[in-house]
Amino acid sequence: ECNELMAHTYSHLFGLPTTGLRFFTVYGPWDRPDMALFLFTKAILES
């Protein structure tokens, strides 16, 4: 949220166009090893 507020400040003060994208539980190839799908897959394969 702080990032969004900082972006707004720069948009206001310096006219920098900023767009924040609120990602919702992203998953898929090259997922982070600490994310649920990766952890679950690894656990299943290792019993």
All heavy atoms as atom14 arrays in JSON, in Angstrom:
{
  "sequence": "ECNELMAHTYSHLFGLPTTGLRFFTVYGPWDRPDMALFLFTKAILES",
  "atom14_mask": [
    [1, 1, 1, 1, 1, 1, 1, 1, 1, 0, 0, 0, 0, 0],
    [1, 1, 1, 1, 1, 1, 0, 0, 0, 0, 0, 0, 0, 0],
    [1, 1, 1, 1, 1, 1, 1, 1, 0, 0, 0, 0, 0, 0],
    [1, 1, 1, 1, 1, 1, 1, 1, 1, 0, 0, 0, 0, 0],
    [1, 1, 1, 1, 1, 1, 1, 1, 0, 0, 0, 0, 0, 0],
    [1, 1, 1, 1, 1, 1, 1, 1, 0, 0, 0, 0, 0, 0],
    [1, 1, 1, 1, 1, 0, 0, 0, 0, 0, 0, 0, 0, 0],
    [1, 1, 1, 1, 1, 1, 1, 1, 1, 1, 0, 0, 0, 0],
    [1, 1, 1, 1, 1, 1, 1, 0, 0, 0, 0, 0, 0, 0],
    [1, 1, 1, 1, 1, 1, 1, 1, 1, 1, 1, 1, 0, 0],
    [1, 1, 1, 1, 1, 1, 0, 0, 0, 0, 0, 0, 0, 0],
    [1, 1, 1, 1, 1, 1, 1, 1, 1, 1, 0, 0, 0, 0],
    [1, 1, 1, 1, 1, 1, 1, 1, 0, 0, 0, 0, 0, 0],
    [1, 1, 1, 1, 1, 1, 1, 1, 1, 1, 1, 0, 0, 0],
    [1, 1, 1, 1, 0, 0, 0, 0, 0, 0, 0, 0, 0, 0],
    [1, 1, 1, 1, 1, 1, 1, 1, 0, 0, 0, 0, 0, 0],
    [1, 1, 1, 1, 1, 1, 1, 0, 0, 0, 0, 0, 0, 0],
    [1, 1, 1, 1, 1, 1, 1, 0, 0, 0, 0, 0, 0, 0],
    [1, 1, 1, 1, 1, 1, 1, 0, 0, 0, 0, 0, 0, 0],
    [1, 1, 1, 1, 0, 0, 0, 0, 0, 0, 0, 0, 0, 0],
    [1, 1, 1, 1, 1, 1, 1, 1, 0, 0, 0, 0, 0, 0],
    [1, 1, 1, 1, 1, 1, 1, 1, 1, 1, 1, 0, 0, 0],
    [1, 1, 1, 1, 1, 1, 1, 1, 1, 1, 1, 0, 0, 0],
    [1, 1, 1, 1, 1, 1, 1, 1, 1, 1, 1, 0, 0, 0],
    [1, 1, 1, 1, 1, 1, 1, 0, 0, 0, 0, 0, 0, 0],
    [1, 1, 1, 1, 1, 1, 1, 0, 0, 0, 0, 0, 0, 0],
    [1, 1, 1, 1, 1, 1, 1, 1, 1, 1, 1, 1, 0, 0],
    [1, 1, 1, 1, 0, 0, 0, 0, 0, 0, 0, 0, 0, 0],
    [1, 1, 1, 1, 1, 1, 1, 0, 0, 0, 0, 0, 0, 0],
    [1, 1, 1, 1, 1, 1, 1, 1, 1, 1, 1, 1, 1, 1],
    [1, 1, 1, 1, 1, 1, 1, 1, 0, 0, 0, 0, 0, 0],
    [1, 1, 1, 1, 1, 1, 1, 1, 1, 1, 1, 0, 0, 0],
    [1, 1, 1, 1, 1, 1, 1, 0, 0, 0, 0, 0, 0, 0],
    [1, 1, 1, 1, 1, 1, 1, 1, 0, 0, 0, 0, 0, 0],
    [1, 1, 1, 1, 1, 1, 1, 1, 0, 0, 0, 0, 0, 0],
    [1, 1, 1, 1, 1, 0, 0, 0, 0, 0, 0, 0, 0, 0],
    [1, 1, 1, 1, 1, 1, 1, 1, 0, 0, 0, 0, 0, 0],
    [1, 1, 1, 1, 1, 1, 1, 1, 1, 1, 1, 0, 0, 0],
    [1, 1, 1, 1, 1, 1, 1, 1, 0, 0, 0, 0, 0, 0],
    [1, 1, 1, 1, 1, 1, 1, 1, 1, 1, 1, 0, 0, 0],
    [1, 1, 1, 1, 1, 1, 1, 0, 0, 0, 0, 0, 0, 0],
    [1, 1, 1, 1, 1, 1, 1, 1, 1, 0, 0, 0, 0, 0],
    [1, 1, 1, 1, 1, 0, 0, 0, 0, 0, 0, 0, 0, 0],
    [1, 1, 1, 1, 1, 1, 1, 1, 0, 0, 0, 0, 0, 0],
    [1, 1, 1, 1, 1, 1, 1, 1, 0, 0, 0, 0, 0, 0],
    [1, 1, 1, 1, 1, 1, 1, 1, 1, 0, 0, 0, 0, 0],
    [1, 1, 1, 1, 1, 1, 0, 0, 0, 0, 0, 0, 0, 0]
  ],
  "atom14_positions": [
    [[0.83, -1.2, 0.0], [0.0, 0.0, 0.0], [0.87, 1.26, 0.0], [0.56, 2.26, -0.66], [-0.93, 0.01, 1.21], [-1.88, 1.2, 1.19], [-2.86, 1.21, 2.35], [-2.87, 0.24, 3.12], [-3.6, 2.2, 2.49], [0.0, 0.0, 0.0], [0.0, 0.0, 0.0], [0.0, 0.0, 0.0], [0.0, 0.0, 0.0], [0.0, 0.0, 0.0]],
    [[1.97, 1.18, 0.72], [2.91, 2.31, 0.74], [3.44, 2.58, -0.67], [3.57, 3.74, -1.08], [4.06, 2.01, 1.7], [5.24, 3.36, 1.84], [0.0, 0.0, 0.0], [0.0, 0.0, 0.0], [0.0, 0.0, 0.0], [0.0, 0.0, 0.0], [0.0, 0.0, 0.0], [0.0, 0.0, 0.0], [0.0, 0.0, 0.0], [0.0, 0.0, 0.0]],
    [[3.76, 1.53, -1.41], [4.22, 1.69, -2.79], [3.18, 2.44, -3.63], [3.52, 3.34, -4.41], [4.5, 0.33, -3.43], [5.76, -0.34, -2.92], [6.0, -1.5, -3.21], [6.57, 0.37, -2.15], [0.0, 0.0, 0.0], [0.0, 0.0, 0.0], [0.0, 0.0, 0.0], [0.0, 0.0, 0.0], [0.0, 0.0, 0.0], [0.0, 0.0, 0.0]],
    [[1.91, 2.08, -3.46], [0.86, 2.76, -4.21], [0.8, 4.23, -3.86], [0.65, 5.1, -4.74], [-0.5, 2.09, -3.93], [-0.61, 0.67, -4.44], [-1.97, 0.03, -4.19], [-2.85, 0.71, -3.62], [-2.16, -1.14, -4.58], [0.0, 0.0, 0.0], [0.0, 0.0, 0.0], [0.0, 0.0, 0.0], [0.0, 0.0, 0.0], [0.0, 0.0, 0.0]],
    [[0.93, 4.54, -2.57], [0.87, 5.93, -2.13], [2.07, 6.72, -2.63], [1.94, 7.89, -3.04], [0.78, 5.99, -0.61], [-0.48, 5.38, 0.02], [-0.36, 5.35, 1.54], [-1.72, 6.15, -0.4], [0.0, 0.0, 0.0], [0.0, 0.0, 0.0], [0.0, 0.0, 0.0], [0.0, 0.0, 0.0], [0.0, 0.0, 0.0], [0.0, 0.0, 0.0]],
    [[3.23, 6.1, -2.62], [4.43, 6.77, -3.13], [4.29, 7.03, -4.63], [4.66, 8.1, -5.13], [5.66, 5.91, -2.85], [6.0, 5.8, -1.38], [7.11, 4.43, -0.99], [8.62, 4.95, -1.78], [0.0, 0.0, 0.0], [0.0, 0.0, 0.0], [0.0, 0.0, 0.0], [0.0, 0.0, 0.0], [0.0, 0.0, 0.0], [0.0, 0.0, 0.0]],
    [[3.75, 6.05, -5.35], [3.54, 6.23, -6.79], [2.59, 7.39, -7.04], [2.82, 8.22, -7.95], [2.98, 4.94, -7.4], [0.0, 0.0, 0.0], [0.0, 0.0, 0.0], [0.0, 0.0, 0.0], [0.0, 0.0, 0.0], [0.0, 0.0, 0.0], [0.0, 0.0, 0.0], [0.0, 0.0, 0.0], [0.0, 0.0, 0.0], [0.0, 0.0, 0.0]],
    [[1.52, 7.47, -6.25], [0.58, 8.57, -6.42], [1.27, 9.92, -6.21], [1.02, 10.9, -6.94], [-0.6, 8.44, -5.47], [-1.62, 9.51, -5.67], [-1.56, 10.74, -5.04], [-2.73, 9.56, -6.48], [-2.57, 11.49, -5.42], [-3.3, 10.8, -6.29], [0.0, 0.0, 0.0], [0.0, 0.0, 0.0], [0.0, 0.0, 0.0], [0.0, 0.0, 0.0]],
    [[2.13, 9.99, -5.22], [2.84, 11.23, -4.94], [3.68, 11.67, -6.13], [3.69, 12.85, -6.51], [3.74, 11.06, -3.7], [2.93, 10.67, -2.58], [4.46, 12.36, -3.38], [0.0, 0.0, 0.0], [0.0, 0.0, 0.0], [0.0, 0.0, 0.0], [0.0, 0.0, 0.0], [0.0, 0.0, 0.0], [0.0, 0.0, 0.0], [0.0, 0.0, 0.0]],
    [[4.39, 10.73, -6.76], [5.21, 11.06, -7.93], [4.35, 11.42, -9.13], [4.72, 12.27, -9.94], [6.17, 9.91, -8.25], [7.47, 10.01, -7.5], [7.52, 9.8, -6.12], [8.66, 10.35, -8.15], [8.69, 9.91, -5.42], [9.85, 10.46, -7.45], [9.86, 10.24, -6.08], [11.05, 10.37, -5.38], [0.0, 0.0, 0.0], [0.0, 0.0, 0.0]],
    [[3.2, 10.77, -9.24], [2.28, 11.13, -10.32], [1.79, 12.56, -10.12], [1.68, 13.34, -11.09], [1.08, 10.17, -10.34], [1.48, 8.85, -10.65], [0.0, 0.0, 0.0], [0.0, 0.0, 0.0], [0.0, 0.0, 0.0], [0.0, 0.0, 0.0], [0.0, 0.0, 0.0], [0.0, 0.0, 0.0], [0.0, 0.0, 0.0], [0.0, 0.0, 0.0]],
    [[1.5, 12.92, -8.88], [1.0, 14.26, -8.58], [2.08, 15.33, -8.71], [1.87, 16.38, -9.34], [0.43, 14.28, -7.17], [0.03, 15.64, -6.7], [-1.12, 16.27, -7.14], [0.64, 16.51, -5.84], [-1.2, 17.47, -6.57], [-0.15, 17.63, -5.78], [0.0, 0.0, 0.0], [0.0, 0.0, 0.0], [0.0, 0.0, 0.0], [0.0, 0.0, 0.0]],
    [[3.25, 15.09, -8.13], [4.29, 16.11, -8.1], [5.04, 16.26, -9.43], [5.41, 17.37, -9.82], [5.31, 15.78, -7.0], [4.82, 15.9, -5.55], [5.92, 15.43, -4.6], [4.4, 17.33, -5.24], [0.0, 0.0, 0.0], [0.0, 0.0, 0.0], [0.0, 0.0, 0.0], [0.0, 0.0, 0.0], [0.0, 0.0, 0.0], [0.0, 0.0, 0.0]],
    [[5.26, 15.14, -10.13], [6.13, 15.17, -11.3], [5.45, 14.74, -12.6], [6.09, 14.69, -13.65], [7.36, 14.28, -11.05], [8.06, 14.61, -9.77], [8.08, 13.7, -8.71], [8.69, 15.83, -9.59], [8.71, 13.99, -7.51], [9.35, 16.14, -8.39], [9.35, 15.22, -7.36], [0.0, 0.0, 0.0], [0.0, 0.0, 0.0], [0.0, 0.0, 0.0]],
    [[4.14, 14.43, -12.52], [3.42, 14.04, -13.73], [3.85, 12.69, -14.28], [3.63, 12.41, -15.46], [0.0, 0.0, 0.0], [0.0, 0.0, 0.0], [0.0, 0.0, 0.0], [0.0, 0.0, 0.0], [0.0, 0.0, 0.0], [0.0, 0.0, 0.0], [0.0, 0.0, 0.0], [0.0, 0.0, 0.0], [0.0, 0.0, 0.0], [0.0, 0.0, 0.0]],
    [[4.46, 11.86, -13.43], [4.88, 10.52, -13.87], [3.66, 9.61, -13.92], [3.05, 9.33, -12.88], [5.91, 9.95, -12.89], [6.29, 8.48, -13.08], [7.0, 8.27, -14.42], [7.17, 7.98, -11.92], [0.0, 0.0, 0.0], [0.0, 0.0, 0.0], [0.0, 0.0, 0.0], [0.0, 0.0, 0.0], [0.0, 0.0, 0.0], [0.0, 0.0, 0.0]],
    [[3.28, 9.12, -15.09], [2.15, 8.18, -15.16], [2.52, 6.87, -14.46], [3.54, 6.25, -14.78], [1.94, 7.97, -16.66], [2.55, 9.16, -17.31], [3.74, 9.48, -16.44], [0.0, 0.0, 0.0], [0.0, 0.0, 0.0], [0.0, 0.0, 0.0], [0.0, 0.0, 0.0], [0.0, 0.0, 0.0], [0.0, 0.0, 0.0], [0.0, 0.0, 0.0]],
    [[1.73, 6.45, -13.49], [1.98, 5.19, -12.78], [0.71, 4.36, -12.73], [-0.38, 4.87, -12.51], [2.46, 5.45, -11.34], [1.42, 6.08, -10.58], [3.71, 6.32, -11.3], [0.0, 0.0, 0.0], [0.0, 0.0, 0.0], [0.0, 0.0, 0.0], [0.0, 0.0, 0.0], [0.0, 0.0, 0.0], [0.0, 0.0, 0.0], [0.0, 0.0, 0.0]],
    [[0.88, 3.06, -12.93], [-0.24, 2.12, -12.84], [0.17, 0.96, -11.96], [1.15, 0.27, -12.24], [-0.66, 1.6, -14.22], [-1.03, 2.7, -15.06], [-1.84, 0.64, -14.1], [0.0, 0.0, 0.0], [0.0, 0.0, 0.0], [0.0, 0.0, 0.0], [0.0, 0.0, 0.0], [0.0, 0.0, 0.0], [0.0, 0.0, 0.0], [0.0, 0.0, 0.0]],
    [[-0.58, 0.75, -10.88], [-0.32, -0.37, -9.99], [-1.25, -1.53, -10.31], [-2.45, -1.34, -10.5], [0.0, 0.0, 0.0], [0.0, 0.0, 0.0], [0.0, 0.0, 0.0], [0.0, 0.0, 0.0], [0.0, 0.0, 0.0], [0.0, 0.0, 0.0], [0.0, 0.0, 0.0], [0.0, 0.0, 0.0], [0.0, 0.0, 0.0], [0.0, 0.0, 0.0]],
    [[-0.69, -2.72, -10.38], [-1.46, -3.92, -10.68], [-1.5, -4.81, -9.43], [-0.46, -5.29, -8.97], [-0.82, -4.7, -11.84], [-0.62, -3.9, -13.14], [0.04, -4.78, -14.2], [-1.94, -3.36, -13.64], [0.0, 0.0, 0.0], [0.0, 0.0, 0.0], [0.0, 0.0, 0.0], [0.0, 0.0, 0.0], [0.0, 0.0, 0.0], [0.0, 0.0, 0.0]],
    [[-2.68, -5.0, -8.91], [-2.85, -5.83, -7.73], [-3.04, -7.29, -8.16], [-4.13, -7.71, -8.53], [-4.04, -5.36, -6.9], [-3.81, -3.99, -6.26], [-5.05, -3.49, -5.56], [-4.82, -2.19, -4.92], [-5.79, -1.42, -4.43], [-7.05, -1.83, -4.5], [-5.5, -0.26, -3.88], [0.0, 0.0, 0.0], [0.0, 0.0, 0.0], [0.0, 0.0, 0.0]],
    [[-1.96, -8.05, -8.12], [-2.0, -9.44, -8.53], [-2.72, -10.29, -7.48], [-2.51, -10.12, -6.28], [-0.58, -10.0, -8.7], [0.24, -9.3, -9.75], [1.63, -9.36, -9.7], [-0.36, -8.61, -10.79], [2.41, -8.74, -10.67], [0.41, -7.98, -11.76], [1.8, -8.05, -11.7], [0.0, 0.0, 0.0], [0.0, 0.0, 0.0], [0.0, 0.0, 0.0]],
    [[-3.51, -11.25, -7.95], [-4.24, -12.17, -7.07], [-3.69, -13.58, -7.24], [-3.89, -14.23, -8.27], [-5.73, -12.15, -7.38], [-6.48, -11.0, -6.75], [-6.25, -9.7, -7.15], [-7.41, -11.22, -5.74], [-6.93, -8.63, -6.57], [-8.09, -10.17, -5.15], [-7.85, -8.87, -5.56], [0.0, 0.0, 0.0], [0.0, 0.0, 0.0], [0.0, 0.0, 0.0]],
    [[-2.95, -14.06, -6.23], [-2.44, -15.44, -6.12], [-1.99, -15.99, -7.47], [-2.6, -16.89, -8.04], [-3.49, -16.38, -5.49], [-4.11, -15.73, -4.38], [-2.83, -17.66, -5.01], [0.0, 0.0, 0.0], [0.0, 0.0, 0.0], [0.0, 0.0, 0.0], [0.0, 0.0, 0.0], [0.0, 0.0, 0.0], [0.0, 0.0, 0.0], [0.0, 0.0, 0.0]],
    [[-0.89, -15.45, -7.95], [-0.34, -15.86, -9.25], [0.31, -17.24, -9.12], [0.99, -17.53, -8.14], [0.69, -14.83, -9.74], [1.15, -15.19, -11.16], [0.11, -13.42, -9.7], [0.0, 0.0, 0.0], [0.0, 0.0, 0.0], [0.0, 0.0, 0.0], [0.0, 0.0, 0.0], [0.0, 0.0, 0.0], [0.0, 0.0, 0.0], [0.0, 0.0, 0.0]],
    [[0.11, -18.09, -10.13], [0.73, -19.41, -10.14], [1.05, -19.8, -11.57], [0.54, -19.2, -12.53], [-0.19, -20.46, -9.5], [-1.35, -20.86, -10.39], [-1.33, -22.05, -11.12], [-2.46, -20.02, -10.53], [-2.38, -22.39, -11.96], [-3.52, -20.37, -11.36], [-3.47, -21.55, -12.08], [-4.51, -21.88, -12.91], [0.0, 0.0, 0.0], [0.0, 0.0, 0.0]],
    [[1.9, -20.82, -11.73], [2.24, -21.29, -13.07], [3.71, -21.62, -13.16], [4.45, -21.57, -12.16], [0.0, 0.0, 0.0], [0.0, 0.0, 0.0], [0.0, 0.0, 0.0], [0.0, 0.0, 0.0], [0.0, 0.0, 0.0], [0.0, 0.0, 0.0], [0.0, 0.0, 0.0], [0.0, 0.0, 0.0], [0.0, 0.0, 0.0], [0.0, 0.0, 0.0]],
    [[4.2, -21.99, -14.35], [5.62, -22.31, -14.55], [6.53, -21.2, -14.02], [6.2, -20.03, -14.11], [5.73, -22.44, -16.07], [4.37, -22.89, -16.5], [3.42, -22.16, -15.59], [0.0, 0.0, 0.0], [0.0, 0.0, 0.0], [0.0, 0.0, 0.0], [0.0, 0.0, 0.0], [0.0, 0.0, 0.0], [0.0, 0.0, 0.0], [0.0, 0.0, 0.0]],
    [[7.67, -21.6, -13.48], [8.66, -20.69, -12.88], [8.12, -20.04, -11.61], [8.58, -18.98, -11.2], [9.14, -19.64, -13.89], [9.82, -20.24, -15.07], [9.24, -20.49, -16.29], [11.16, -20.71, -15.16], [10.15, -21.09, -17.13], [11.35, -21.24, -16.45], [12.22, -20.75, -14.26], [12.55, -21.78, -16.88], [13.43, -21.28, -14.69], [13.58, -21.8, -15.98]],
    [[7.16, -20.69, -10.97], [6.63, -20.21, -9.71], [7.74, -20.17, -8.66], [8.74, -20.9, -8.77], [5.51, -21.15, -9.23], [4.54, -20.49, -8.29], [4.73, -19.31, -7.96], [3.58, -21.15, -7.88], [0.0, 0.0, 0.0], [0.0, 0.0, 0.0], [0.0, 0.0, 0.0], [0.0, 0.0, 0.0], [0.0, 0.0, 0.0], [0.0, 0.0, 0.0]],
    [[7.58, -19.32, -7.63], [8.56, -19.25, -6.56], [8.52, -20.54, -5.73], [7.44, -21.08, -5.47], [8.26, -18.07, -5.64], [8.59, -16.74, -6.25], [8.62, -15.6, -5.23], [8.01, -15.84, -3.96], [7.01, -15.09, -3.45], [6.5, -14.1, -4.15], [6.53, -15.35, -2.24], [0.0, 0.0, 0.0], [0.0, 0.0, 0.0], [0.0, 0.0, 0.0]],
    [[9.68, -21.03, -5.3], [9.72, -22.28, -4.52], [9.0, -22.2, -3.18], [8.72, -23.24, -2.58], [11.22, -22.5, -4.31], [11.88, -21.78, -5.43], [11.02, -20.57, -5.67], [0.0, 0.0, 0.0], [0.0, 0.0, 0.0], [0.0, 0.0, 0.0], [0.0, 0.0, 0.0], [0.0, 0.0, 0.0], [0.0, 0.0, 0.0], [0.0, 0.0, 0.0]],
    [[8.71, -20.98, -2.68], [8.02, -20.88, -1.39], [6.51, -20.73, -1.55], [5.8, -20.6, -0.56], [8.57, -19.68, -0.6], [8.34, -18.35, -1.32], [8.51, -18.31, -2.55], [8.01, -17.37, -0.65], [0.0, 0.0, 0.0], [0.0, 0.0, 0.0], [0.0, 0.0, 0.0], [0.0, 0.0, 0.0], [0.0, 0.0, 0.0], [0.0, 0.0, 0.0]],
    [[6.01, -20.79, -2.78], [4.58, -20.66, -3.0], [3.89, -22.02, -2.89], [4.51, -23.07, -3.07], [4.31, -20.03, -4.37], [4.87, -18.62, -4.52], [4.12, -17.45, -3.37], [2.56, -17.14, -4.2], [0.0, 0.0, 0.0], [0.0, 0.0, 0.0], [0.0, 0.0, 0.0], [0.0, 0.0, 0.0], [0.0, 0.0, 0.0], [0.0, 0.0, 0.0]],
    [[2.58, -21.99, -2.61], [1.85, -23.2, -2.27], [1.94, -24.3, -3.33], [2.22, -25.46, -3.0], [0.38, -22.86, -2.0], [0.0, 0.0, 0.0], [0.0, 0.0, 0.0], [0.0, 0.0, 0.0], [0.0, 0.0, 0.0], [0.0, 0.0, 0.0], [0.0, 0.0, 0.0], [0.0, 0.0, 0.0], [0.0, 0.0, 0.0], [0.0, 0.0, 0.0]],
    [[1.71, -23.96, -4.59], [1.68, -25.0, -5.63], [3.03, -25.68, -5.74], [3.12, -26.91, -5.89], [1.27, -24.39, -6.96], [1.1, -25.37, -8.12], [0.09, -26.46, -7.78], [0.65, -24.65, -9.39], [0.0, 0.0, 0.0], [0.0, 0.0, 0.0], [0.0, 0.0, 0.0], [0.0, 0.0, 0.0], [0.0, 0.0, 0.0], [0.0, 0.0, 0.0]],
    [[4.09, -24.93, -5.66], [5.44, -25.49, -5.73], [5.69, -26.39, -4.52], [6.18, -27.52, -4.66], [6.46, -24.35, -5.77], [7.81, -24.75, -6.29], [8.25, -24.3, -7.52], [8.66, -25.55, -5.54], [9.5, -24.66, -8.0], [9.91, -25.92, -6.0], [10.33, -25.47, -7.24], [0.0, 0.0, 0.0], [0.0, 0.0, 0.0], [0.0, 0.0, 0.0]],
    [[5.34, -25.9, -3.33], [5.55, -26.69, -2.12], [4.73, -27.97, -2.13], [5.22, -29.05, -1.75], [5.17, -25.84, -0.89], [6.08, -24.66, -0.56], [5.45, -23.82, 0.55], [7.46, -25.14, -0.15], [0.0, 0.0, 0.0], [0.0, 0.0, 0.0], [0.0, 0.0, 0.0], [0.0, 0.0, 0.0], [0.0, 0.0, 0.0], [0.0, 0.0, 0.0]],
    [[3.48, -27.87, -2.57], [2.61, -29.05, -2.61], [3.15, -30.09, -3.6], [3.18, -31.28, -3.31], [1.19, -28.65, -3.01], [0.46, -27.83, -1.99], [-0.73, -27.18, -2.33], [0.92, -27.71, -0.69], [-1.43, -26.43, -1.39], [0.24, -26.96, 0.25], [-0.94, -26.31, -0.1], [0.0, 0.0, 0.0], [0.0, 0.0, 0.0], [0.0, 0.0, 0.0]],
    [[3.55, -29.62, -4.77], [4.07, -30.54, -5.8], [5.32, -31.26, -5.3], [5.45, -32.48, -5.45], [4.39, -29.75, -7.09], [3.18, -29.19, -7.6], [5.01, -30.65, -8.14], [0.0, 0.0, 0.0], [0.0, 0.0, 0.0], [0.0, 0.0, 0.0], [0.0, 0.0, 0.0], [0.0, 0.0, 0.0], [0.0, 0.0, 0.0], [0.0, 0.0, 0.0]],
    [[6.22, -30.51, -4.73], [7.46, -31.11, -4.22], [7.16, -32.13, -3.12], [7.76, -33.21, -3.08], [8.38, -30.0, -3.68], [9.81, -30.42, -3.37], [10.67, -29.2, -3.09], [12.14, -29.58, -2.95], [12.43, -30.37, -1.76], [0.0, 0.0, 0.0], [0.0, 0.0, 0.0], [0.0, 0.0, 0.0], [0.0, 0.0, 0.0], [0.0, 0.0, 0.0]],
    [[6.22, -31.79, -2.24], [5.87, -32.7, -1.15], [5.25, -33.99, -1.68], [5.57, -35.09, -1.19], [4.91, -32.01, -0.2], [0.0, 0.0, 0.0], [0.0, 0.0, 0.0], [0.0, 0.0, 0.0], [0.0, 0.0, 0.0], [0.0, 0.0, 0.0], [0.0, 0.0, 0.0], [0.0, 0.0, 0.0], [0.0, 0.0, 0.0], [0.0, 0.0, 0.0]],
    [[4.37, -33.88, -2.66], [3.74, -35.07, -3.23], [4.78, -35.99, -3.84], [4.78, -37.21, -3.62], [2.69, -34.67, -4.28], [1.46, -34.05, -3.6], [2.28, -35.87, -5.13], [0.43, -33.51, -4.56], [0.0, 0.0, 0.0], [0.0, 0.0, 0.0], [0.0, 0.0, 0.0], [0.0, 0.0, 0.0], [0.0, 0.0, 0.0], [0.0, 0.0, 0.0]],
    [[5.72, -35.42, -4.59], [6.74, -36.23, -5.24], [7.71, -36.86, -4.24], [8.3, -37.9, -4.52], [7.51, -35.37, -6.25], [6.73, -35.0, -7.52], [7.48, -33.94, -8.33], [6.48, -36.24, -8.37], [0.0, 0.0, 0.0], [0.0, 0.0, 0.0], [0.0, 0.0, 0.0], [0.0, 0.0, 0.0], [0.0, 0.0, 0.0], [0.0, 0.0, 0.0]],
    [[7.86, -36.21, -3.08], [8.76, -36.75, -2.05], [8.01, -37.51, -0.97], [8.6, -37.87, 0.06], [9.55, -35.59, -1.43], [10.49, -34.91, -2.43], [11.19, -33.68, -1.85], [10.89, -33.33, -0.67], [12.01, -33.08, -2.56], [0.0, 0.0, 0.0], [0.0, 0.0, 0.0], [0.0, 0.0, 0.0], [0.0, 0.0, 0.0], [0.0, 0.0, 0.0]],
    [[6.7, -37.73, -1.19], [5.85, -38.48, -0.25], [5.9, -37.88, 1.15], [5.98, -38.59, 2.17], [6.28, -39.96, -0.21], [6.14, -40.54, -1.49], [0.0, 0.0, 0.0], [0.0, 0.0, 0.0], [0.0, 0.0, 0.0], [0.0, 0.0, 0.0], [0.0, 0.0, 0.0], [0.0, 0.0, 0.0], [0.0, 0.0, 0.0], [0.0, 0.0, 0.0]]
  ]
}
